[in-house]
Amino acid sequence: PPETELRSFFALRSDGPDVTTPDGVVLHTEVDEGEADDITLVFVHGYALNLDCWHFQRLHFRGQLRQVFYDLRSHGRSSRSEAELCRIPQLAEDLYQVLQELVGSAPVILIGHSMGGMTIMRLAHVHPELFGNQVRGVALFCTSAGEMADHSPIRGIPGRTFSRIAEPLMASLNRIPELVSQGRRAGSDLGYVVTRRMAFGSDVPPSYVDFASEMLAEIPLEVVADYYPAFRELDEYQALEILRTVPTVVIGCENDLFTPIDHTARIIELLPKAEAVRIENSGHLGIIEHHDIFNGALDRLLARVRAELG
């Protein structure tokens, strides 16, 4: 039954130590141990999601090797952050702390979706010494290195206009929380249609749409608004020079309304040695919609990293 299927998407749990940042935010972490201990996979999720979005990747590698997941500040089970710290540079410092406290000096592959990819690029920018030493591979999924202010996820509304109206719109919606939350829950017709159109590019099983709706509905609209300015400031093109030093895979989806395929193409252009994958009929949540393609790309990245480690 659909209800059981939906619950199973949130059923992969494990313990991990809380990470408390210098400003007092408590980051929720989960660590899956695996048979092999040569490499640790560290997953960084995107805007308005939580660590559960990695369900299919987590299942794919479960028991094989060590996997580290955490909820970004103000997301999932992590505690709320001050609005002005909901920015990519702070997320990179949080990731740095997660690496120090949960991984130590073990070799890692960093895997980022959307804002998670931006966070990894920022980490390369401010901690280049990690790349090629501890960070041995990077996967960037459905992400962008900059120029997001010019982009609008809604056809017919120019990017600059969308940027101008989005924040006041979210602030207004926050004043009518009952109405908004009803429309955002899994099972609501409005939530279903919006998620189906905005997140996916093909006819996915209804349980996938409910899974995405449920994650999106859990994030308070104030948090959505807190993070919004982070995208206008984004400029991580310089970081790509650092990422050239490690094996990388970059995946973009043709129907991605949030981080358009031309943003992925720009990253691919600047990372000539990366494995580049473009997926047709896929939206922003390709990690769910076409999880087998993403998992295959991660398998190949893992094989490349292991070959380099000898």
Protein backbone atom coordinates (compact mmCIF):
# COMPACT_ATOMS: atom_id res chain seq x y z
CA PRO A 1 0.00 0.00 0.00
CA PRO A 2 1.13 3.59 -0.74
CA GLU A 3 1.34 4.54 2.96
CA THR A 4 3.77 1.67 3.69
CA GLU A 5 5.81 2.54 0.61
CA LEU A 6 6.06 6.17 1.70
CA ARG A 7 7.14 5.15 5.21
CA SER A 8 9.86 2.89 3.79
CA PHE A 9 11.53 5.93 2.20
CA PHE A 10 12.13 7.32 5.68
CA ALA A 11 13.06 3.98 7.26
CA LEU A 12 16.81 3.88 6.61
CA ARG A 13 18.14 5.15 9.92
CA SER A 14 21.38 4.84 11.84
CA ASP A 15 23.07 6.59 14.73
CA GLY A 16 25.62 9.31 14.32
CA PRO A 17 27.11 11.79 16.79
CA ASP A 18 25.60 15.28 16.84
CA VAL A 19 27.96 17.94 15.52
CA THR A 20 27.65 21.28 17.32
CA THR A 21 28.90 24.24 15.28
CA PRO A 22 30.67 27.26 16.86
CA ASP A 23 27.43 29.29 16.60
CA GLY A 24 25.48 26.60 18.49
CA VAL A 25 23.61 24.85 15.66
CA VAL A 26 23.33 21.09 16.28
CA LEU A 27 23.75 19.11 13.05
CA HIS A 28 21.98 15.74 12.95
CA THR A 29 24.23 13.04 11.46
CA GLU A 30 23.80 9.37 10.56
CA VAL A 31 26.68 6.97 9.87
CA ASP A 32 26.22 3.62 8.09
CA GLU A 33 29.20 1.34 8.67
CA GLY A 34 30.30 -0.98 5.86
CA GLU A 35 32.57 -3.96 5.29
CA ALA A 36 35.25 -1.99 3.42
CA ASP A 37 36.96 0.81 5.33
CA ASP A 38 39.25 2.14 2.58
CA ILE A 39 36.92 5.00 1.57
CA THR A 40 34.10 6.91 3.27
CA LEU A 41 31.25 8.40 1.23
CA VAL A 42 30.00 11.76 2.56
CA PHE A 43 26.63 12.94 1.20
CA VAL A 44 25.56 16.61 1.20
CA HIS A 45 21.88 17.17 0.34
CA GLY A 46 20.26 20.17 -1.31
CA TYR A 47 17.99 23.12 -0.55
CA ALA A 48 14.70 22.35 1.23
CA LEU A 49 15.43 18.59 1.42
CA ASN A 50 17.05 16.43 4.12
CA LEU A 51 19.35 13.42 4.31
CA ASP A 52 16.49 11.06 3.39
CA CYS A 53 16.71 12.29 -0.22
CA TRP A 54 19.71 9.94 -0.60
CA HIS A 55 17.48 6.89 0.01
CA PHE A 56 18.39 5.04 -3.19
CA GLN A 57 22.11 5.79 -3.00
CA ARG A 58 22.21 4.80 0.66
CA LEU A 59 20.46 1.52 -0.10
CA HIS A 60 22.81 0.86 -3.03
CA PHE A 61 25.99 1.13 -0.91
CA ARG A 62 24.55 -0.09 2.39
CA GLY A 63 26.81 -2.62 4.11
CA GLN A 64 29.52 -2.20 1.46
CA LEU A 65 31.39 0.83 2.76
CA ARG A 66 31.12 3.61 5.32
CA GLN A 67 28.56 6.30 4.50
CA VAL A 68 28.09 9.61 6.33
CA PHE A 69 24.87 11.64 6.04
CA TYR A 70 23.82 14.85 7.78
CA ASP A 71 21.04 17.41 7.66
CA LEU A 72 22.16 20.91 6.69
CA ARG A 73 21.57 23.64 9.28
CA SER A 74 17.84 24.47 9.60
CA HIS A 75 16.97 21.34 7.58
CA GLY A 76 15.64 17.94 8.67
CA ARG A 77 16.55 17.07 12.25
CA SER A 78 19.27 19.71 12.56
CA SER A 79 18.51 22.78 14.65
CA ARG A 80 17.62 26.24 13.33
CA SER A 81 20.29 28.67 12.29
CA GLU A 82 20.37 32.46 12.34
CA ALA A 83 19.07 33.62 8.94
CA GLU A 84 22.30 35.45 8.03
CA LEU A 85 24.30 32.23 8.43
CA CYS A 86 22.10 30.35 5.94
CA ARG A 87 24.73 30.92 3.25
CA ILE A 88 27.03 28.69 1.20
CA PRO A 89 30.28 29.76 2.95
CA GLN A 90 28.80 28.72 6.31
CA LEU A 91 27.59 25.40 4.87
CA ALA A 92 31.16 24.75 3.68
CA GLU A 93 32.46 25.37 7.22
CA ASP A 94 29.81 22.98 8.57
CA LEU A 95 30.93 20.33 6.07
CA TYR A 96 34.56 20.89 7.10
CA GLN A 97 33.56 20.30 10.72
CA VAL A 98 31.60 17.14 9.82
CA LEU A 99 34.69 15.81 8.02
CA GLN A 100 36.93 16.58 11.01
CA GLU A 101 34.61 15.08 13.61
CA LEU A 102 33.14 12.10 11.75
CA VAL A 103 35.77 11.08 9.23
CA GLY A 104 39.13 12.03 10.70
CA SER A 105 41.86 11.49 8.12
CA ALA A 106 40.22 8.64 6.15
CA PRO A 107 40.00 9.12 2.36
CA VAL A 108 36.58 10.41 1.29
CA ILE A 109 34.42 10.88 -1.76
CA LEU A 110 32.16 13.94 -1.43
CA ILE A 111 28.76 13.68 -3.10
CA GLY A 112 26.59 16.80 -3.39
CA HIS A 113 23.16 17.42 -4.88
CA SER A 114 22.10 20.98 -5.77
CA MET A 115 23.04 23.27 -2.83
CA GLY A 116 25.14 20.34 -1.54
CA GLY A 117 27.24 20.55 -4.71
CA MET A 118 27.64 24.31 -4.18
CA THR A 119 28.79 23.58 -0.62
CA ILE A 120 31.48 21.16 -1.87
CA MET A 121 32.71 23.71 -4.42
CA ARG A 122 32.95 26.32 -1.67
CA LEU A 123 34.88 23.87 0.52
CA ALA A 124 37.39 23.43 -2.34
CA HIS A 125 37.67 27.22 -2.56
CA VAL A 126 38.45 27.74 1.16
CA HIS A 127 40.17 24.43 2.01
CA PRO A 128 42.02 23.48 -1.19
CA GLU A 129 44.54 21.48 0.86
CA LEU A 130 41.91 18.76 1.42
CA PHE A 131 41.53 17.95 -2.27
CA GLY A 132 43.89 15.28 -3.52
CA ASN A 133 44.87 14.53 0.09
CA GLN A 134 41.79 13.54 2.06
CA VAL A 135 39.13 14.23 -0.58
CA ARG A 136 39.90 11.70 -3.33
CA GLY A 137 36.78 12.05 -5.46
CA VAL A 138 33.82 14.39 -5.99
CA ALA A 139 30.32 13.94 -7.44
CA LEU A 140 28.32 17.04 -8.39
CA PHE A 141 24.66 16.35 -9.12
CA CYS A 142 22.16 18.89 -10.55
CA THR A 143 24.09 21.90 -9.35
CA SER A 144 25.45 25.27 -10.42
CA ALA A 145 28.65 27.25 -9.83
CA GLY A 146 27.06 30.69 -10.23
CA GLU A 147 24.82 33.10 -12.18
CA MET A 148 21.74 31.85 -10.36
CA ALA A 149 20.33 35.38 -10.02
CA ASP A 150 19.56 35.32 -13.74
CA HIS A 151 17.57 32.09 -13.48
CA SER A 152 13.87 31.63 -12.76
CA PRO A 153 12.30 28.20 -12.14
CA ILE A 154 8.97 29.50 -13.50
CA ARG A 155 8.58 29.87 -17.26
CA GLY A 156 7.61 33.36 -18.33
CA ILE A 157 9.05 35.12 -15.27
CA PRO A 158 12.58 36.48 -15.88
CA GLY A 159 15.24 35.55 -13.31
CA ARG A 160 15.78 39.07 -11.96
CA THR A 161 12.02 39.55 -11.52
CA PHE A 162 11.68 36.17 -9.81
CA SER A 163 14.52 37.09 -7.41
CA ARG A 164 12.75 40.33 -6.54
CA ILE A 165 9.33 38.79 -5.83
CA ALA A 166 10.35 35.47 -4.25
CA GLU A 167 11.34 36.72 -0.78
CA PRO A 168 8.32 38.99 -0.15
CA LEU A 169 6.07 36.22 -1.52
CA MET A 170 7.51 33.70 0.96
CA ALA A 171 7.13 36.21 3.78
CA SER A 172 3.45 36.70 2.89
CA LEU A 173 2.83 32.94 2.72
CA ASN A 174 4.34 32.58 6.19
CA ARG A 175 1.45 34.65 7.54
CA ILE A 176 -1.08 31.99 6.48
CA PRO A 177 0.68 28.81 7.64
CA GLU A 178 -2.42 26.57 7.95
CA LEU A 179 -3.45 27.11 4.34
CA VAL A 180 0.11 26.69 3.08
CA SER A 181 0.89 23.56 5.10
CA GLN A 182 -2.33 21.86 3.94
CA GLY A 183 -1.30 22.45 0.34
CA ARG A 184 2.24 21.18 0.93
CA ARG A 185 1.63 17.81 2.64
CA ALA A 186 1.96 14.53 0.76
CA GLY A 187 -1.51 13.48 -0.30
CA SER A 188 -2.74 17.00 -1.04
CA ASP A 189 -3.71 17.44 -4.70
CA LEU A 190 -1.97 20.81 -4.93
CA GLY A 191 1.23 19.51 -3.32
CA TYR A 192 1.23 16.52 -5.66
CA VAL A 193 0.79 18.53 -8.87
CA VAL A 194 3.38 21.14 -7.91
CA THR A 195 5.98 18.59 -6.82
CA ARG A 196 5.34 16.38 -9.84
CA ARG A 197 5.86 19.29 -12.24
CA MET A 198 8.70 21.03 -10.44
CA ALA A 199 10.83 18.07 -9.30
CA PHE A 200 10.50 15.37 -11.95
CA GLY A 201 10.76 15.16 -15.73
CA SER A 202 9.04 11.84 -16.44
CA ASP A 203 6.11 9.72 -15.23
CA VAL A 204 7.53 8.57 -11.91
CA PRO A 205 5.65 6.28 -9.49
CA PRO A 206 3.24 8.29 -7.29
CA SER A 207 5.22 7.13 -4.22
CA TYR A 208 8.25 9.11 -5.50
CA VAL A 209 6.14 12.26 -5.73
CA ASP A 210 4.73 11.69 -2.23
CA PHE A 211 8.26 11.11 -0.92
CA ALA A 212 9.47 14.42 -2.39
CA SER A 213 6.30 16.27 -1.23
CA GLU A 214 6.78 15.00 2.31
CA MET A 215 10.41 16.20 2.47
CA LEU A 216 9.54 19.59 0.98
CA ALA A 217 6.56 20.03 3.30
CA GLU A 218 8.74 19.48 6.36
CA ILE A 219 10.89 22.53 5.72
CA PRO A 220 9.43 25.74 7.19
CA LEU A 221 8.88 28.48 4.61
CA GLU A 222 10.94 30.85 6.81
CA VAL A 223 13.92 28.57 6.21
CA VAL A 224 13.23 28.55 2.47
CA ALA A 225 13.32 32.36 2.64
CA ASP A 226 16.43 32.43 4.90
CA TYR A 227 18.45 30.58 2.28
CA TYR A 228 17.12 32.32 -0.79
CA PRO A 229 19.76 35.13 -0.90
CA ALA A 230 22.53 32.48 -0.88
CA PHE A 231 21.87 31.73 -4.57
CA ARG A 232 22.18 35.35 -5.68
CA GLU A 233 25.68 35.51 -4.13
CA LEU A 234 26.87 32.20 -5.58
CA ASP A 235 30.15 32.32 -7.54
CA GLU A 236 32.28 29.22 -7.22
CA TYR A 237 33.87 29.00 -10.67
CA GLN A 238 37.35 29.41 -9.16
CA ALA A 239 36.82 26.28 -7.07
CA LEU A 240 36.63 24.16 -10.20
CA GLU A 241 40.39 24.59 -10.69
CA ILE A 242 40.88 22.75 -7.38
CA LEU A 243 38.39 20.02 -8.34
CA ARG A 244 40.43 19.27 -11.47
CA THR A 245 42.97 17.58 -9.19
CA VAL A 246 40.61 14.72 -8.21
CA PRO A 247 38.39 12.25 -10.12
CA THR A 248 34.95 13.81 -10.55
CA VAL A 249 31.57 12.99 -12.03
CA VAL A 250 29.09 15.71 -13.00
CA ILE A 251 25.44 14.90 -13.76
CA GLY A 252 22.85 17.29 -15.15
CA CYS A 253 19.20 16.67 -15.98
CA GLU A 254 17.57 18.06 -19.14
CA ASN A 255 14.30 19.05 -17.41
CA ASP A 256 15.82 20.54 -14.27
CA LEU A 257 13.86 23.72 -13.47
CA PHE A 258 16.11 24.74 -10.57
CA THR A 259 19.67 24.25 -11.77
CA PRO A 260 19.32 24.29 -15.55
CA ILE A 261 21.30 21.94 -17.75
CA ASP A 262 23.37 24.84 -19.17
CA HIS A 263 24.72 25.47 -15.64
CA THR A 264 25.85 21.83 -15.56
CA ALA A 265 27.34 22.22 -19.04
CA ARG A 266 29.40 25.17 -17.81
CA ILE A 267 30.82 23.07 -14.95
CA ILE A 268 31.59 20.22 -17.37
CA GLU A 269 33.40 22.67 -19.66
CA LEU A 270 35.63 23.75 -16.75
CA LEU A 271 36.26 20.16 -15.60
CA PRO A 272 37.45 18.55 -18.85
CA LYS A 273 38.52 15.29 -17.15
CA ALA A 274 35.24 14.75 -15.30
CA GLU A 275 32.86 12.01 -16.30
CA ALA A 276 29.91 13.99 -17.66
CA VAL A 277 26.38 12.60 -17.76
CA ARG A 278 23.28 14.34 -19.17
CA ILE A 279 19.96 12.68 -18.42
CA GLU A 280 16.91 13.19 -20.62
CA ASN A 281 13.39 13.26 -19.13
CA SER A 282 14.66 13.99 -15.65
CA GLY A 283 13.94 16.86 -13.27
CA HIS A 284 15.89 18.29 -10.34
CA LEU A 285 15.34 15.19 -8.19
CA GLY A 286 17.11 12.86 -10.60
CA ILE A 287 18.75 11.11 -7.62
CA ILE A 288 15.26 9.69 -6.97
CA GLU A 289 13.77 9.69 -10.47
CA HIS A 290 16.70 7.99 -12.25
CA HIS A 291 18.58 6.69 -9.23
CA ASP A 292 20.05 3.74 -11.14
CA ILE A 293 21.97 6.13 -13.45
CA PHE A 294 23.32 8.12 -10.49
CA ASN A 295 24.26 4.94 -8.61
CA GLY A 296 26.08 3.58 -11.68
CA ALA A 297 28.05 6.84 -11.98
CA LEU A 298 29.00 6.60 -8.28
CA ASP A 299 30.15 2.99 -8.78
CA ARG A 300 32.45 4.12 -11.60
CA LEU A 301 33.76 7.06 -9.55
CA LEU A 302 34.49 4.70 -6.66
CA ALA A 303 36.38 2.37 -9.01
CA ARG A 304 38.47 5.31 -10.34
CA VAL A 305 39.31 6.48 -6.82
CA ARG A 306 40.25 2.96 -5.70
CA ALA A 307 42.48 2.54 -8.76
CA GLU A 308 44.28 5.78 -7.86
CA LEU A 309 44.66 4.74 -4.23
CA GLY A 310 46.20 1.50 -5.52
